[in-house]
Structure formats: C-alpha cells, structure tokens
C-alpha cells in the first residue's frame, strides 16, 4: 500500500515540475516580447520628429469663397 502512494506522489511532482517549467518559459517569452516592443516603440524616426506642413492656399481660398461669398437668392413669394 505504501509503495502505491509513493508512485502517485512521484508522478504528481514530475507533472508539477514540467508545468512550472512550461509556465516559467511562457512568462519569460511573454515579458521579453513586451519589453522588446516597448523598446521599439520608444525609438523615434527623425523624419517624423521634424514634420513639414504643406498648406494648399488655392483650396483654402476656394473654400472661403464658397462659404462666405455666396450670393443669396431671394425668395419670390
């Protein structure tokens, strides 16, 4: 009876050890991926840090004329 109990305990600790090792590896790879992505996100592109603004004055003037210089048609009642 006692040898049967020891065999079950040994099997339990073997499975527990494999599970803990698997979870430790999973945790390691997860945190390494998170830290790697944070390091990549922290890097900035030099071209994006100095943006150039292009203003199309023709389009702005057309929009201004459309909005504010409309000829209102009177209603004939």
C-alpha atoms as a PDB file:
ATOM      1  CA  UNK A   1       0.000   0.000   0.000  1.00  0.00           C
ATOM      2  CA  UNK A   2       2.806   2.456   0.799  1.00  0.00           C
ATOM      3  CA  UNK A   3       4.651   1.852  -2.492  1.00  0.00           C
ATOM      4  CA  UNK A   4       1.482   2.698  -4.415  1.00  0.00           C
ATOM      5  CA  UNK A   5       1.199   6.034  -2.593  1.00  0.00           C
ATOM      6  CA  UNK A   6       4.841   6.903  -3.309  1.00  0.00           C
ATOM      7  CA  UNK A   7       4.409   6.177  -7.020  1.00  0.00           C
ATOM      8  CA  UNK A   8       1.443   8.532  -7.222  1.00  0.00           C
ATOM      9  CA  UNK A   9       3.319  11.270  -5.364  1.00  0.00           C
ATOM     10  CA  UNK A  10       6.353  10.935  -7.633  1.00  0.00           C
ATOM     11  CA  UNK A  11       4.132  11.181 -10.719  1.00  0.00           C
ATOM     12  CA  UNK A  12       2.431  14.289  -9.281  1.00  0.00           C
ATOM     13  CA  UNK A  13       5.743  16.081  -8.635  1.00  0.00           C
ATOM     14  CA  UNK A  14       7.019  15.165 -12.100  1.00  0.00           C
ATOM     15  CA  UNK A  15       3.937  16.682 -13.749  1.00  0.00           C
ATOM     16  CA  UNK A  16       4.080  19.685 -11.391  1.00  0.00           C
ATOM     17  CA  UNK A  17       7.749  20.284 -12.284  1.00  0.00           C
ATOM     18  CA  UNK A  18       7.047  20.125 -16.024  1.00  0.00           C
ATOM     19  CA  UNK A  19       4.098  22.502 -15.628  1.00  0.00           C
ATOM     20  CA  UNK A  20       6.136  25.003 -13.609  1.00  0.00           C
ATOM     21  CA  UNK A  21       8.988  24.908 -16.155  1.00  0.00           C
ATOM     22  CA  UNK A  22       6.500  25.413 -19.012  1.00  0.00           C
ATOM     23  CA  UNK A  23       4.866  28.362 -17.255  1.00  0.00           C
ATOM     24  CA  UNK A  24       8.257  29.902 -16.453  1.00  0.00           C
ATOM     25  CA  UNK A  25       9.284  29.696 -20.117  1.00  0.00           C
ATOM     26  CA  UNK A  26       5.952  31.153 -21.198  1.00  0.00           C
ATOM     27  CA  UNK A  27       6.360  34.010 -18.722  1.00  0.00           C
ATOM     28  CA  UNK A  28       9.924  34.675 -19.902  1.00  0.00           C
ATOM     29  CA  UNK A  29       8.987  34.856 -23.587  1.00  0.00           C
ATOM     30  CA  UNK A  30       5.930  36.984 -22.855  1.00  0.00           C
ATOM     31  CA  UNK A  31       7.857  39.579 -20.868  1.00  0.00           C
ATOM     32  CA  UNK A  32      10.735  39.606 -23.355  1.00  0.00           C
ATOM     33  CA  UNK A  33       8.255  40.308 -26.171  1.00  0.00           C
ATOM     34  CA  UNK A  34       6.583  43.085 -24.164  1.00  0.00           C
ATOM     35  CA  UNK A  35       9.894  44.721 -23.241  1.00  0.00           C
ATOM     36  CA  UNK A  36      11.122  44.404 -26.826  1.00  0.00           C
ATOM     37  CA  UNK A  37       8.001  46.066 -28.191  1.00  0.00           C
ATOM     38  CA  UNK A  38       8.301  48.876 -25.638  1.00  0.00           C
ATOM     39  CA  UNK A  39      11.912  49.441 -26.689  1.00  0.00           C
ATOM     40  CA  UNK A  40      10.857  49.567 -30.332  1.00  0.00           C
ATOM     41  CA  UNK A  41       8.026  51.981 -29.550  1.00  0.00           C
ATOM     42  CA  UNK A  42      10.422  54.247 -27.682  1.00  0.00           C
ATOM     43  CA  UNK A  43      12.586  54.756 -30.762  1.00  0.00           C
ATOM     44  CA  UNK A  44      11.567  57.739 -32.853  1.00  0.00           C
ATOM     45  CA  UNK A  45      12.006  58.336 -36.529  1.00  0.00           C
ATOM     46  CA  UNK A  46      13.952  61.518 -37.251  1.00  0.00           C
ATOM     47  CA  UNK A  47      11.809  62.369 -40.244  1.00  0.00           C
ATOM     48  CA  UNK A  48       8.667  62.233 -38.139  1.00  0.00           C
ATOM     49  CA  UNK A  49      10.136  64.467 -35.463  1.00  0.00           C
ATOM     50  CA  UNK A  50      10.502  67.361 -37.952  1.00  0.00           C
ATOM     51  CA  UNK A  51       7.208  67.480 -39.842  1.00  0.00           C
ATOM     52  CA  UNK A  52       6.786  69.807 -42.754  1.00  0.00           C
ATOM     53  CA  UNK A  53       3.434  71.488 -43.202  1.00  0.00           C
ATOM     54  CA  UNK A  54       2.094  71.893 -46.708  1.00  0.00           C
ATOM     55  CA  UNK A  55      -0.756  74.365 -46.995  1.00  0.00           C
ATOM     56  CA  UNK A  56      -2.646  74.494 -50.256  1.00  0.00           C
ATOM     57  CA  UNK A  57      -3.669  78.125 -50.427  1.00  0.00           C
ATOM     58  CA  UNK A  58      -5.791  77.632 -53.560  1.00  0.00           C
ATOM     59  CA  UNK A  59      -8.000  75.111 -51.826  1.00  0.00           C
ATOM     60  CA  UNK A  60      -8.319  77.321 -48.753  1.00  0.00           C
ATOM     61  CA  UNK A  61      -9.273  80.329 -50.867  1.00  0.00           C
ATOM     62  CA  UNK A  62     -11.869  78.302 -52.776  1.00  0.00           C
ATOM     63  CA  UNK A  63     -13.379  77.044 -49.534  1.00  0.00           C
ATOM     64  CA  UNK A  64     -13.502  80.590 -48.135  1.00  0.00           C
ATOM     65  CA  UNK A  65     -15.222  81.881 -51.246  1.00  0.00           C
ATOM     66  CA  UNK A  66     -17.746  79.039 -51.176  1.00  0.00           C
ATOM     67  CA  UNK A  67     -18.566  79.624 -47.526  1.00  0.00           C
ATOM     68  CA  UNK A  68     -18.600  83.397 -47.134  1.00  0.00           C
ATOM     69  CA  UNK A  69     -19.145  84.940 -50.565  1.00  0.00           C
ATOM     70  CA  UNK A  70     -22.323  83.187 -51.547  1.00  0.00           C
ATOM     71  CA  UNK A  71     -24.969  85.078 -53.455  1.00  0.00           C
ATOM     72  CA  UNK A  72     -28.156  84.504 -51.567  1.00  0.00           C
ATOM     73  CA  UNK A  73     -31.159  84.067 -53.805  1.00  0.00           C
ATOM     74  CA  UNK A  74     -34.241  85.876 -52.528  1.00  0.00           C
ATOM     75  CA  UNK A  75     -37.495  84.006 -52.292  1.00  0.00           C
ATOM     76  CA  UNK A  76     -40.235  85.142 -54.605  1.00  0.00           C
ATOM     77  CA  UNK A  77     -43.478  84.899 -52.694  1.00  0.00           C
END
